[in-house]
Amino acid sequence: MVWFPLIPCPFARFFQRPKAPVVAPPPPSLEAFTVEHPTKTVLEIGPEFTLPAHEWAHDVILASSGFGKSYLAGVMTEEIIESGGLVVIIDPEGENYTLAERYPLLIVGGDHATVGLNLDEASGDDIDRIMQTVLRDGVSIIFDLSERTQKGQRELFTLIGGSLFTMQDKPELRRPVKFIVEEARIFAPQKASDLPKNKDGETCLSVFENIATRGRKRGINMLIATQRPASISKDILSQCNRWWFGGMQSEQDYKALKPHLEEAGVTAEEIKALPKGAGEFYFSANGETAKIQTRKRKCKHGGSTPGIDPEKIKIASRSDLAAAVKQLDGLGSLDI
């Protein structure tokens, strides 16, 4: 496994080696990737599908669970980094750490953290100092929020998104950034009455809307992904200009996307016909639509469905029950 050197900065107390190495193995037969003077001008999304590498765009990936939504987001992230782009990733499920096995990314939070900041105690100043380092030194970052409650995730998103937006107002720090948000419905819900507010009255949704509507002038592009299109803010979706439609199983989600599917010239039947796990999508932008196949990822996919070990499948016996009760003896007792 290759560890990338930490980026020197005046905030050294935040940076440390993780207590345990990343458990996933490095990608087979691939060396660690570095880019100093990128020459890659296209994003190779599929075997026969590319996009301009540095085109401004707000991307949205829409697909039910198991239809390759996170996998496609991972492919796009790999391509953006390899073209010299900077990414700031909001990861509610802790799936993106495998990117750091190949690319020089910082990780805040989760089991694979390389930045020694306890997110339970993070302040706005802490996030600002980290964001300044990210932008000044051009080092991509993952914010792993998987150990937080949904309320906690939303509070942190408000800090992180707000900090990115504010720091990009500073000419000495501003640079093109792809702001990647997995499970975007958590942070941009359609029903937003109970969202926590910070001291300035901002919520994760209001910060998200700022980035969606005003981010372009600050060099911020979005890539958002969700498995529940019906549950995400229509105001956020309306700002997206590149659409990736994957397989969907909910009639409610079909109805929510009907205007966008009709504009793309894609029928509900075509969406329903997309096979699960095949990585097939309909891509729509600039009045054109194409059916694409996602290429194979260069990093291990952290969002893969875990396999089931047949040796761990068994029917518990009464002796197993008795042993379990004995282990929990301090919590009470049963007459078996």
C-alpha atoms as a PDB file:
ATOM      1  CA  MET A   1       0.000   0.000   0.000  1.00  0.00           C
ATOM      2  CA  VAL A   2       1.261   3.486  -0.833  1.00  0.00           C
ATOM      3  CA  TRP A   3       0.810   6.299   1.651  1.00  0.00           C
ATOM      4  CA  PHE A   4       0.959   9.770   0.181  1.00  0.00           C
ATOM      5  CA  PRO A   5       2.964  12.373   2.101  1.00  0.00           C
ATOM      6  CA  LEU A   6       0.876  14.760   4.124  1.00  0.00           C
ATOM      7  CA  ILE A   7       0.607  18.313   2.871  1.00  0.00           C
ATOM      8  CA  PRO A   8       2.668  20.674   5.048  1.00  0.00           C
ATOM      9  CA  CYS A   9       0.637  23.499   6.498  1.00  0.00           C
ATOM     10  CA  PRO A  10       0.565  25.690   9.614  1.00  0.00           C
ATOM     11  CA  PHE A  11      -2.325  23.633  10.997  1.00  0.00           C
ATOM     12  CA  ALA A  12      -0.311  20.511  11.628  1.00  0.00           C
ATOM     13  CA  ARG A  13      -2.359  19.494  14.638  1.00  0.00           C
ATOM     14  CA  PHE A  14      -5.152  18.454  12.274  1.00  0.00           C
ATOM     15  CA  PHE A  15      -3.036  16.029  10.250  1.00  0.00           C
ATOM     16  CA  GLN A  16      -1.978  12.598  11.375  1.00  0.00           C
ATOM     17  CA  ARG A  17      -1.646   9.068  10.086  1.00  0.00           C
ATOM     18  CA  PRO A  18      -4.739   6.960  10.658  1.00  0.00           C
ATOM     19  CA  LYS A  19      -4.566   4.606  13.622  1.00  0.00           C
ATOM     20  CA  ALA A  20      -5.049   1.642  11.302  1.00  0.00           C
ATOM     21  CA  PRO A  21      -4.259   1.357   7.590  1.00  0.00           C
ATOM     22  CA  VAL A  22      -7.014   1.293   5.015  1.00  0.00           C
ATOM     23  CA  VAL A  23      -8.273  -2.272   4.981  1.00  0.00           C
ATOM     24  CA  ALA A  24      -9.242  -2.511   1.322  1.00  0.00           C
ATOM     25  CA  PRO A  25      -6.385  -3.741  -0.920  1.00  0.00           C
ATOM     26  CA  PRO A  26      -4.953  -1.418  -3.566  1.00  0.00           C
ATOM     27  CA  PRO A  27      -6.354  -1.770  -7.074  1.00  0.00           C
ATOM     28  CA  PRO A  28      -4.711  -4.719  -8.883  1.00  0.00           C
ATOM     29  CA  SER A  29      -1.744  -3.964 -11.165  1.00  0.00           C
ATOM     30  CA  LEU A  30      -2.115  -0.192 -10.774  1.00  0.00           C
ATOM     31  CA  GLU A  31       0.521   2.135  -9.399  1.00  0.00           C
ATOM     32  CA  ALA A  32      -0.282   5.187  -7.320  1.00  0.00           C
ATOM     33  CA  PHE A  33      -1.356   8.088  -9.497  1.00  0.00           C
ATOM     34  CA  THR A  34       0.198  11.546  -9.454  1.00  0.00           C
ATOM     35  CA  VAL A  35      -0.522  14.538 -11.666  1.00  0.00           C
ATOM     36  CA  GLU A  36       1.527  17.727 -11.839  1.00  0.00           C
ATOM     37  CA  HIS A  37       0.943  18.973 -15.381  1.00  0.00           C
ATOM     38  CA  PRO A  38      -2.241  17.266 -16.532  1.00  0.00           C
ATOM     39  CA  THR A  39      -2.582  16.650 -20.243  1.00  0.00           C
ATOM     40  CA  LYS A  40      -5.872  14.767 -20.031  1.00  0.00           C
ATOM     41  CA  THR A  41      -8.520  16.845 -21.778  1.00  0.00           C
ATOM     42  CA  VAL A  42     -11.492  14.465 -21.617  1.00  0.00           C
ATOM     43  CA  LEU A  43     -13.283  12.482 -18.937  1.00  0.00           C
ATOM     44  CA  GLU A  44     -13.471   8.849 -20.035  1.00  0.00           C
ATOM     45  CA  ILE A  45     -16.804   7.858 -18.484  1.00  0.00           C
ATOM     46  CA  GLY A  46     -17.488   4.805 -20.617  1.00  0.00           C
ATOM     47  CA  PRO A  47     -15.780   2.661 -23.269  1.00  0.00           C
ATOM     48  CA  GLU A  48     -17.212   4.879 -25.995  1.00  0.00           C
ATOM     49  CA  PHE A  49     -18.266   7.980 -24.088  1.00  0.00           C
ATOM     50  CA  THR A  50     -16.205  11.021 -23.058  1.00  0.00           C
ATOM     51  CA  LEU A  51     -16.871  14.547 -21.836  1.00  0.00           C
ATOM     52  CA  PRO A  52     -14.677  17.675 -21.851  1.00  0.00           C
ATOM     53  CA  ALA A  53     -12.453  17.583 -18.773  1.00  0.00           C
ATOM     54  CA  HIS A  54     -12.831  21.192 -17.649  1.00  0.00           C
ATOM     55  CA  GLU A  55     -16.335  22.088 -18.752  1.00  0.00           C
ATOM     56  CA  TRP A  56     -18.480  23.887 -16.183  1.00  0.00           C
ATOM     57  CA  ALA A  57     -21.454  21.706 -15.238  1.00  0.00           C
ATOM     58  CA  HIS A  58     -23.800  20.791 -12.438  1.00  0.00           C
ATOM     59  CA  ASP A  59     -24.238  17.011 -12.739  1.00  0.00           C
ATOM     60  CA  VAL A  60     -27.018  14.946 -11.169  1.00  0.00           C
ATOM     61  CA  ILE A  61     -27.078  11.139 -11.060  1.00  0.00           C
ATOM     62  CA  LEU A  62     -30.493   9.597 -10.407  1.00  0.00           C
ATOM     63  CA  ALA A  63     -30.942   5.860  -9.868  1.00  0.00           C
ATOM     64  CA  SER A  64     -32.421   3.419  -7.374  1.00  0.00           C
ATOM     65  CA  SER A  65     -30.135   1.448  -5.077  1.00  0.00           C
ATOM     66  CA  GLY A  66     -28.159  -1.210  -6.951  1.00  0.00           C
ATOM     67  CA  PHE A  67     -28.308   0.455 -10.367  1.00  0.00           C
ATOM     68  CA  GLY A  68     -24.775   1.909 -10.309  1.00  0.00           C
ATOM     69  CA  LYS A  69     -25.351   5.435  -9.029  1.00  0.00           C
ATOM     70  CA  SER A  70     -22.387   5.521  -6.618  1.00  0.00           C
ATOM     71  CA  TYR A  71     -20.252   3.533  -9.042  1.00  0.00           C
ATOM     72  CA  LEU A  72     -20.755   6.133 -11.780  1.00  0.00           C
ATOM     73  CA  ALA A  73     -20.018   8.918  -9.292  1.00  0.00           C
ATOM     74  CA  GLY A  74     -16.776   7.116  -8.435  1.00  0.00           C
ATOM     75  CA  VAL A  75     -15.788   6.833 -12.096  1.00  0.00           C
ATOM     76  CA  MET A  76     -16.424  10.540 -12.621  1.00  0.00           C
ATOM     77  CA  THR A  77     -14.419  11.403  -9.504  1.00  0.00           C
ATOM     78  CA  GLU A  78     -11.451   9.339 -10.746  1.00  0.00           C
ATOM     79  CA  GLU A  79     -11.587  11.100 -14.100  1.00  0.00           C
ATOM     80  CA  ILE A  80     -11.822  14.581 -12.567  1.00  0.00           C
ATOM     81  CA  ILE A  81      -8.789  13.958 -10.357  1.00  0.00           C
ATOM     82  CA  GLU A  82      -6.762  12.491 -13.222  1.00  0.00           C
ATOM     83  CA  SER A  83      -7.473  15.570 -15.335  1.00  0.00           C
ATOM     84  CA  GLY A  84      -6.017  17.766 -12.593  1.00  0.00           C
ATOM     85  CA  GLY A  85      -9.323  18.727 -11.004  1.00  0.00           C
ATOM     86  CA  LEU A  86      -9.923  19.380  -7.312  1.00  0.00           C
ATOM     87  CA  VAL A  87     -12.761  17.546  -5.554  1.00  0.00           C
ATOM     88  CA  VAL A  88     -14.481  18.141  -2.215  1.00  0.00           C
ATOM     89  CA  ILE A  89     -16.583  15.063  -1.386  1.00  0.00           C
ATOM     90  CA  ILE A  90     -19.455  14.800   1.092  1.00  0.00           C
ATOM     91  CA  ASP A  91     -19.700  11.082   1.909  1.00  0.00           C
ATOM     92  CA  PRO A  92     -22.580  10.104   4.249  1.00  0.00           C
ATOM     93  CA  GLU A  93     -21.969   6.350   3.847  1.00  0.00           C
ATOM     94  CA  GLY A  94     -18.165   6.152   4.184  1.00  0.00           C
ATOM     95  CA  GLU A  95     -17.739   4.587   0.728  1.00  0.00           C
ATOM     96  CA  ASN A  96     -15.151   6.835  -0.901  1.00  0.00           C
ATOM     97  CA  TYR A  97     -12.061   6.073   1.199  1.00  0.00           C
ATOM     98  CA  THR A  98     -10.755   3.671  -1.475  1.00  0.00           C
ATOM     99  CA  LEU A  99     -10.003   6.663  -3.710  1.00  0.00           C
ATOM    100  CA  ALA A 100      -7.159   7.523  -1.316  1.00  0.00           C
ATOM    101  CA  GLU A 101      -5.421   4.228  -2.148  1.00  0.00           C
ATOM    102  CA  ARG A 102      -4.624   5.551  -5.617  1.00  0.00           C
ATOM    103  CA  TYR A 103      -4.933   9.330  -5.401  1.00  0.00           C
ATOM    104  CA  PRO A 104      -3.542  11.873  -2.891  1.00  0.00           C
ATOM    105  CA  LEU A 105      -6.715  12.755  -0.978  1.00  0.00           C
ATOM    106  CA  LEU A 106      -7.218  13.892   2.594  1.00  0.00           C
ATOM    107  CA  ILE A 107      -9.935  12.152   4.611  1.00  0.00           C
ATOM    108  CA  VAL A 108     -11.743  13.824   7.515  1.00  0.00           C
ATOM    109  CA  GLY A 109     -13.839  11.539   9.721  1.00  0.00           C
ATOM    110  CA  GLY A 110     -14.562   7.820   9.599  1.00  0.00           C
ATOM    111  CA  ASP A 111     -12.353   4.777  10.103  1.00  0.00           C
ATOM    112  CA  HIS A 112      -9.801   5.833   7.467  1.00  0.00           C
ATOM    113  CA  ALA A 113      -9.225   9.454   8.515  1.00  0.00           C
ATOM    114  CA  THR A 114      -5.887  11.094   7.739  1.00  0.00           C
ATOM    115  CA  VAL A 115      -6.891  14.389   9.357  1.00  0.00           C
ATOM    116  CA  GLY A 116      -6.986  14.274  13.141  1.00  0.00           C
ATOM    117  CA  LEU A 117     -10.152  16.263  13.702  1.00  0.00           C
ATOM    118  CA  ASN A 118     -13.027  14.835  15.733  1.00  0.00           C
ATOM    119  CA  LEU A 119     -16.111  15.813  13.731  1.00  0.00           C
ATOM    120  CA  ASP A 120     -18.208  15.670  16.895  1.00  0.00           C
ATOM    121  CA  GLU A 121     -16.222  18.655  18.141  1.00  0.00           C
ATOM    122  CA  ALA A 122     -15.556  20.459  14.843  1.00  0.00           C
ATOM    123  CA  SER A 123     -16.123  24.200  14.817  1.00  0.00           C
ATOM    124  CA  GLY A 124     -16.587  26.558  11.908  1.00  0.00           C
ATOM    125  CA  ASP A 125     -13.024  27.788  12.423  1.00  0.00           C
ATOM    126  CA  ASP A 126     -11.715  24.201  12.198  1.00  0.00           C
ATOM    127  CA  ILE A 127     -13.512  23.602   8.896  1.00  0.00           C
ATOM    128  CA  ASP A 128     -12.362  26.979   7.538  1.00  0.00           C
ATOM    129  CA  ARG A 129      -8.722  26.166   8.304  1.00  0.00           C
ATOM    130  CA  ILE A 130      -8.984  22.814   6.566  1.00  0.00           C
ATOM    131  CA  MET A 131     -10.757  24.336   3.557  1.00  0.00           C
ATOM    132  CA  GLN A 132      -8.084  27.017   3.257  1.00  0.00           C
ATOM    133  CA  THR A 133      -5.434  24.295   3.090  1.00  0.00           C
ATOM    134  CA  VAL A 134      -7.420  22.318   0.505  1.00  0.00           C
ATOM    135  CA  LEU A 135      -7.800  25.319  -1.794  1.00  0.00           C
ATOM    136  CA  ARG A 136      -4.367  26.832  -1.250  1.00  0.00           C
ATOM    137  CA  ASP A 137      -2.466  23.571  -1.821  1.00  0.00           C
ATOM    138  CA  GLY A 138      -4.882  22.043  -4.343  1.00  0.00           C
ATOM    139  CA  VAL A 139      -5.313  18.772  -2.436  1.00  0.00           C
ATOM    140  CA  SER A 140      -8.671  16.993  -2.754  1.00  0.00           C
ATOM    141  CA  ILE A 141     -10.607  15.943   0.341  1.00  0.00           C
ATOM    142  CA  ILE A 142     -13.299  13.545   1.536  1.00  0.00           C
ATOM    143  CA  PHE A 143     -15.546  14.421   4.468  1.00  0.00           C
ATOM    144  CA  ASP A 144     -16.683  11.042   5.798  1.00  0.00           C
ATOM    145  CA  LEU A 145     -19.891  11.679   7.756  1.00  0.00           C
ATOM    146  CA  SER A 146     -20.855   8.022   8.137  1.00  0.00           C
ATOM    147  CA  GLU A 147     -20.500   7.983  11.929  1.00  0.00           C
ATOM    148  CA  ARG A 148     -22.911  10.871  12.410  1.00  0.00           C
ATOM    149  CA  THR A 149     -26.667  10.916  12.797  1.00  0.00           C
ATOM    150  CA  GLN A 150     -28.647  12.477   9.966  1.00  0.00           C
ATOM    151  CA  LYS A 151     -29.054  15.640  12.056  1.00  0.00           C
ATOM    152  CA  GLY A 152     -25.304  15.698  12.653  1.00  0.00           C
ATOM    153  CA  GLN A 153     -24.599  15.146   8.963  1.00  0.00           C
ATOM    154  CA  ARG A 154     -26.798  18.086   8.072  1.00  0.00           C
ATOM    155  CA  GLU A 155     -25.110  20.340  10.623  1.00  0.00           C
ATOM    156  CA  LEU A 156     -21.681  19.432   9.258  1.00  0.00           C
ATOM    157  CA  PHE A 157     -22.796  19.943   5.670  1.00  0.00           C
ATOM    158  CA  THR A 158     -23.862  23.463   6.619  1.00  0.00           C
ATOM    159  CA  LEU A 159     -20.362  24.121   7.985  1.00  0.00           C
ATOM    160  CA  ILE A 160     -18.491  22.496   5.088  1.00  0.00           C
ATOM    161  CA  GLY A 161     -20.592  23.871   2.236  1.00  0.00           C
ATOM    162  CA  GLY A 162     -20.708  27.304   3.814  1.00  0.00           C
ATOM    163  CA  SER A 163     -16.937  27.308   4.282  1.00  0.00           C
ATOM    164  CA  LEU A 164     -16.291  26.272   0.674  1.00  0.00           C
ATOM    165  CA  PHE A 165     -18.621  28.985  -0.601  1.00  0.00           C
ATOM    166  CA  THR A 166     -17.008  31.650   1.600  1.00  0.00           C
ATOM    167  CA  MET A 167     -13.398  30.655   0.879  1.00  0.00           C
ATOM    168  CA  GLN A 168     -14.048  30.693  -2.862  1.00  0.00           C
ATOM    169  CA  ASP A 169     -14.874  34.398  -2.450  1.00  0.00           C
ATOM    170  CA  LYS A 170     -11.200  34.998  -1.650  1.00  0.00           C
ATOM    171  CA  PRO A 171      -9.254  35.627  -4.916  1.00  0.00           C
ATOM    172  CA  GLU A 172      -6.042  34.238  -3.429  1.00  0.00           C
ATOM    173  CA  LEU A 173      -7.728  30.880  -2.709  1.00  0.00           C
ATOM    174  CA  ARG A 174     -10.258  30.516  -5.522  1.00  0.00           C
ATOM    175  CA  ARG A 175      -9.808  27.633  -7.940  1.00  0.00           C
ATOM    176  CA  PRO A 176     -12.178  25.328  -9.871  1.00  0.00           C
ATOM    177  CA  VAL A 177     -13.752  22.785  -7.506  1.00  0.00           C
ATOM    178  CA  LYS A 178     -16.091  19.841  -8.059  1.00  0.00           C
ATOM    179  CA  PHE A 179     -18.358  19.610  -5.014  1.00  0.00           C
ATOM    180  CA  ILE A 180     -19.496  15.976  -4.896  1.00  0.00           C
ATOM    181  CA  VAL A 181     -22.466  15.104  -2.680  1.00  0.00           C
ATOM    182  CA  GLU A 182     -23.611  11.508  -2.262  1.00  0.00           C
ATOM    183  CA  GLU A 183     -27.162  10.888  -0.970  1.00  0.00           C
ATOM    184  CA  ALA A 184     -27.987  14.506  -1.767  1.00  0.00           C
ATOM    185  CA  ARG A 185     -31.600  14.125  -0.594  1.00  0.00           C
ATOM    186  CA  ILE A 186     -30.293  14.214   3.007  1.00  0.00           C
ATOM    187  CA  PHE A 187     -28.959  17.745   2.528  1.00  0.00           C
ATOM    188  CA  ALA A 188     -31.504  19.088   0.015  1.00  0.00           C
ATOM    189  CA  PRO A 189     -34.824  17.581   1.092  1.00  0.00           C
ATOM    190  CA  GLN A 190     -38.069  18.554  -0.595  1.00  0.00           C
ATOM    191  CA  LYS A 191     -39.651  19.014   2.849  1.00  0.00           C
ATOM    192  CA  ALA A 192     -37.353  21.251   4.834  1.00  0.00           C
ATOM    193  CA  SER A 193     -39.346  22.436   7.844  1.00  0.00           C
ATOM    194  CA  ASP A 194     -37.288  20.637  10.507  1.00  0.00           C
ATOM    195  CA  LEU A 195     -33.736  21.323   9.335  1.00  0.00           C
ATOM    196  CA  PRO A 196     -31.267  22.456  12.039  1.00  0.00           C
ATOM    197  CA  LYS A 197     -30.065  26.065  11.761  1.00  0.00           C
ATOM    198  CA  ASN A 198     -26.650  27.461  12.599  1.00  0.00           C
ATOM    199  CA  LYS A 199     -26.056  30.709  14.487  1.00  0.00           C
ATOM    200  CA  ASP A 200     -26.587  32.689  11.266  1.00  0.00           C
ATOM    201  CA  GLY A 201     -29.900  30.977  10.558  1.00  0.00           C
ATOM    202  CA  GLU A 202     -28.494  28.920   7.671  1.00  0.00           C
ATOM    203  CA  THR A 203     -29.515  25.316   7.041  1.00  0.00           C
ATOM    204  CA  CYS A 204     -27.929  22.620   4.893  1.00  0.00           C
ATOM    205  CA  LEU A 205     -30.592  23.349   2.255  1.00  0.00           C
ATOM    206  CA  SER A 206     -29.965  27.102   2.142  1.00  0.00           C
ATOM    207  CA  VAL A 207     -26.216  26.493   1.842  1.00  0.00           C
ATOM    208  CA  PHE A 208     -26.830  23.894  -0.874  1.00  0.00           C
ATOM    209  CA  GLU A 209     -29.055  26.347  -2.763  1.00  0.00           C
ATOM    210  CA  ASN A 210     -26.351  29.026  -2.533  1.00  0.00           C
ATOM    211  CA  ILE A 211     -23.835  26.681  -4.130  1.00  0.00           C
ATOM    212  CA  ALA A 212     -26.311  25.533  -6.784  1.00  0.00           C
ATOM    213  CA  THR A 213     -27.429  29.030  -7.801  1.00  0.00           C
ATOM    214  CA  ARG A 214     -24.343  31.148  -7.090  1.00  0.00           C
ATOM    215  CA  GLY A 215     -21.479  28.659  -7.187  1.00  0.00           C
ATOM    216  CA  ARG A 216     -20.569  29.156 -10.829  1.00  0.00           C
ATOM    217  CA  LYS A 217     -19.137  32.643 -10.255  1.00  0.00           C
ATOM    218  CA  ARG A 218     -17.052  31.147  -7.473  1.00  0.00           C
ATOM    219  CA  GLY A 219     -15.722  28.254  -9.542  1.00  0.00           C
ATOM    220  CA  ILE A 220     -17.864  25.588  -7.826  1.00  0.00           C
ATOM    221  CA  ASN A 221     -19.362  22.796  -9.930  1.00  0.00           C
ATOM    222  CA  MET A 222     -21.681  20.224  -8.349  1.00  0.00           C
ATOM    223  CA  LEU A 223     -21.965  16.492  -8.796  1.00  0.00           C
ATOM    224  CA  ILE A 224     -24.926  15.209  -6.800  1.00  0.00           C
ATOM    225  CA  ALA A 225     -26.363  11.718  -6.576  1.00  0.00           C
ATOM    226  CA  THR A 226     -29.575  10.403  -5.073  1.00  0.00           C
ATOM    227  CA  GLN A 227     -31.698   7.266  -5.146  1.00  0.00           C
ATOM    228  CA  ARG A 228     -34.903   9.172  -4.327  1.00  0.00           C
ATOM    229  CA  PRO A 229     -35.496  11.949  -6.876  1.00  0.00           C
ATOM    230  CA  ALA A 230     -38.972  12.588  -5.457  1.00  0.00           C
ATOM    231  CA  SER A 231     -37.425  13.510  -2.094  1.00  0.00           C
ATOM    232  CA  ILE A 232     -34.880  16.060  -3.289  1.00  0.00           C
ATOM    233  CA  SER A 233     -35.408  19.809  -3.619  1.00  0.00           C
ATOM    234  CA  LYS A 234     -36.748  20.782  -7.038  1.00  0.00           C
ATOM    235  CA  ASP A 235     -34.868  24.076  -6.732  1.00  0.00           C
ATOM    236  CA  ILE A 236     -31.570  22.166  -6.573  1.00  0.00           C
ATOM    237  CA  LEU A 237     -32.497  19.877  -9.463  1.00  0.00           C
ATOM    238  CA  SER A 238     -33.488  22.850 -11.597  1.00  0.00           C
ATOM    239  CA  GLN A 239     -29.900  24.129 -11.520  1.00  0.00           C
ATOM    240  CA  CYS A 240     -28.453  20.922 -12.979  1.00  0.00           C
ATOM    241  CA  ASN A 241     -27.515  20.971 -16.657  1.00  0.00           C
ATOM    242  CA  ARG A 242     -26.152  17.425 -17.077  1.00  0.00           C
ATOM    243  CA  TRP A 243     -28.499  14.560 -16.210  1.00  0.00           C
ATOM    244  CA  TRP A 244     -27.672  10.898 -15.686  1.00  0.00           C
ATOM    245  CA  PHE A 245     -30.760   8.685 -15.523  1.00  0.00           C
ATOM    246  CA  GLY A 246     -30.293   5.162 -14.186  1.00  0.00           C
ATOM    247  CA  GLY A 247     -32.755   2.413 -13.333  1.00  0.00           C
ATOM    248  CA  MET A 248     -35.534   3.387 -10.949  1.00  0.00           C
ATOM    249  CA  GLN A 249     -38.103   1.225  -9.187  1.00  0.00           C
ATOM    250  CA  SER A 250     -40.401   3.756  -7.504  1.00  0.00           C
ATOM    251  CA  GLU A 251     -43.459   5.058  -9.358  1.00  0.00           C
ATOM    252  CA  GLN A 252     -43.246   8.200  -7.222  1.00  0.00           C
ATOM    253  CA  ASP A 253     -39.734   8.843  -8.537  1.00  0.00           C
ATOM    254  CA  TYR A 254     -40.883   8.293 -12.140  1.00  0.00           C
ATOM    255  CA  LYS A 255     -43.583  10.897 -11.650  1.00  0.00           C
ATOM    256  CA  ALA A 256     -41.134  13.373 -10.111  1.00  0.00           C
ATOM    257  CA  LEU A 257     -38.786  12.983 -13.086  1.00  0.00           C
ATOM    258  CA  LYS A 258     -41.411  12.871 -15.818  1.00  0.00           C
ATOM    259  CA  PRO A 259     -40.784  16.441 -17.110  1.00  0.00           C
ATOM    260  CA  HIS A 260     -37.024  15.866 -17.174  1.00  0.00           C
ATOM    261  CA  LEU A 261     -37.347  12.479 -18.872  1.00  0.00           C
ATOM    262  CA  GLU A 262     -39.668  13.938 -21.491  1.00  0.00           C
ATOM    263  CA  GLU A 263     -37.220  16.776 -22.139  1.00  0.00           C
ATOM    264  CA  ALA A 264     -34.454  14.188 -22.599  1.00  0.00           C
ATOM    265  CA  GLY A 265     -36.639  12.074 -24.874  1.00  0.00           C
ATOM    266  CA  VAL A 266     -36.432   9.071 -22.549  1.00  0.00           C
ATOM    267  CA  THR A 267     -39.521   7.039 -21.698  1.00  0.00           C
ATOM    268  CA  ALA A 268     -40.392   5.448 -18.390  1.00  0.00           C
ATOM    269  CA  GLU A 269     -40.309   2.084 -20.146  1.00  0.00           C
ATOM    270  CA  GLU A 270     -36.710   2.655 -21.218  1.00  0.00           C
ATOM    271  CA  ILE A 271     -35.714   3.538 -17.658  1.00  0.00           C
ATOM    272  CA  LYS A 272     -37.515   0.495 -16.276  1.00  0.00           C
ATOM    273  CA  ALA A 273     -35.715  -1.707 -18.812  1.00  0.00           C
ATOM    274  CA  LEU A 274     -32.242  -0.775 -17.514  1.00  0.00           C
ATOM    275  CA  PRO A 275     -30.754  -3.881 -15.839  1.00  0.00           C
ATOM    276  CA  LYS A 276     -29.677  -3.798 -12.208  1.00  0.00           C
ATOM    277  CA  GLY A 277     -25.933  -3.774 -11.622  1.00  0.00           C
ATOM    278  CA  ALA A 278     -25.036  -3.215 -15.292  1.00  0.00           C
ATOM    279  CA  GLY A 279     -23.980   0.432 -15.006  1.00  0.00           C
ATOM    280  CA  GLU A 280     -26.172   1.623 -17.859  1.00  0.00           C
ATOM    281  CA  PHE A 281     -27.469   5.213 -17.900  1.00  0.00           C
ATOM    282  CA  TYR A 282     -29.147   7.699 -20.169  1.00  0.00           C
ATOM    283  CA  PHE A 283     -27.076  10.889 -20.290  1.00  0.00           C
ATOM    284  CA  SER A 284     -28.775  14.138 -21.294  1.00  0.00           C
ATOM    285  CA  ALA A 285     -27.234  17.581 -21.813  1.00  0.00           C
ATOM    286  CA  ASN A 286     -27.440  20.463 -24.297  1.00  0.00           C
ATOM    287  CA  GLY A 287     -30.488  19.002 -26.009  1.00  0.00           C
ATOM    288  CA  GLU A 288     -28.825  15.650 -26.740  1.00  0.00           C
ATOM    289  CA  THR A 289     -29.320  12.262 -25.118  1.00  0.00           C
ATOM    290  CA  ALA A 290     -27.159   9.135 -25.255  1.00  0.00           C
ATOM    291  CA  LYS A 291     -27.295   5.730 -23.639  1.00  0.00           C
ATOM    292  CA  ILE A 292     -23.953   4.967 -22.002  1.00  0.00           C
ATOM    293  CA  GLN A 293     -22.181   2.110 -20.276  1.00  0.00           C
ATOM    294  CA  THR A 294     -20.040   3.039 -17.258  1.00  0.00           C
ATOM    295  CA  ARG A 295     -16.406   1.955 -17.534  1.00  0.00           C
ATOM    296  CA  LYS A 296     -14.761  -0.237 -14.922  1.00  0.00           C
ATOM    297  CA  ARG A 297     -13.496   1.638 -11.896  1.00  0.00           C
ATOM    298  CA  LYS A 298      -9.760   2.000 -11.251  1.00  0.00           C
ATOM    299  CA  CYS A 299     -10.262   1.942  -7.475  1.00  0.00           C
ATOM    300  CA  LYS A 300     -12.139  -0.642  -5.474  1.00  0.00           C
ATOM    301  CA  HIS A 301     -15.786   0.343  -5.153  1.00  0.00           C
ATOM    302  CA  GLY A 302     -16.446   1.045  -1.480  1.00  0.00           C
ATOM    303  CA  GLY A 303     -20.198   0.900  -1.985  1.00  0.00           C
ATOM    304  CA  SER A 304     -20.364  -2.710  -3.136  1.00  0.00           C
ATOM    305  CA  THR A 305     -23.056  -4.825  -1.523  1.00  0.00           C
ATOM    306  CA  PRO A 306     -21.268  -7.097   0.988  1.00  0.00           C
ATOM    307  CA  GLY A 307     -21.269 -10.785   0.198  1.00  0.00           C
ATOM    308  CA  ILE A 308     -22.706 -13.377   2.554  1.00  0.00           C
ATOM    309  CA  ASP A 309     -20.403 -16.039   3.961  1.00  0.00           C
ATOM    310  CA  PRO A 310     -22.281 -19.379   3.721  1.00  0.00           C
ATOM    311  CA  GLU A 311     -20.446 -20.608   6.817  1.00  0.00           C
ATOM    312  CA  LYS A 312     -22.128 -17.865   8.847  1.00  0.00           C
ATOM    313  CA  ILE A 313     -25.625 -18.958   7.835  1.00  0.00           C
ATOM    314  CA  LYS A 314     -27.160 -21.271  10.415  1.00  0.00           C
ATOM    315  CA  ILE A 315     -30.253 -21.847  12.517  1.00  0.00           C
ATOM    316  CA  ALA A 316     -29.612 -20.994  16.159  1.00  0.00           C
ATOM    317  CA  SER A 317     -30.112 -23.824  18.644  1.00  0.00           C
ATOM    318  CA  ARG A 318     -31.444 -23.595  22.209  1.00  0.00           C
ATOM    319  CA  SER A 319     -27.853 -23.945  23.469  1.00  0.00           C
ATOM    320  CA  ASP A 320     -26.904 -20.917  21.305  1.00  0.00           C
ATOM    321  CA  LEU A 321     -29.770 -19.031  22.915  1.00  0.00           C
ATOM    322  CA  ALA A 322     -28.630 -20.061  26.388  1.00  0.00           C
ATOM    323  CA  ALA A 323     -25.074 -18.903  25.619  1.00  0.00           C
ATOM    324  CA  ALA A 324     -26.365 -15.558  24.361  1.00  0.00           C
ATOM    325  CA  VAL A 325     -28.469 -15.073  27.497  1.00  0.00           C
ATOM    326  CA  LYS A 326     -25.425 -15.875  29.650  1.00  0.00           C
ATOM    327  CA  GLN A 327     -23.396 -13.220  27.807  1.00  0.00           C
ATOM    328  CA  LEU A 328     -26.131 -10.688  28.589  1.00  0.00           C
ATOM    329  CA  ASP A 329     -26.558 -11.842  32.172  1.00  0.00           C
ATOM    330  CA  GLY A 330     -26.026  -8.374  33.594  1.00  0.00           C
ATOM    331  CA  LEU A 331     -29.005  -7.056  31.646  1.00  0.00           C
ATOM    332  CA  GLY A 332     -31.514  -9.531  33.028  1.00  0.00           C
ATOM    333  CA  SER A 333     -32.352 -13.230  32.865  1.00  0.00           C
ATOM    334  CA  LEU A 334     -34.523 -15.731  31.086  1.00  0.00           C
ATOM    335  CA  ASP A 335     -35.829 -19.122  32.145  1.00  0.00           C
ATOM    336  CA  ILE A 336     -34.883 -21.351  29.211  1.00  0.00           C
END
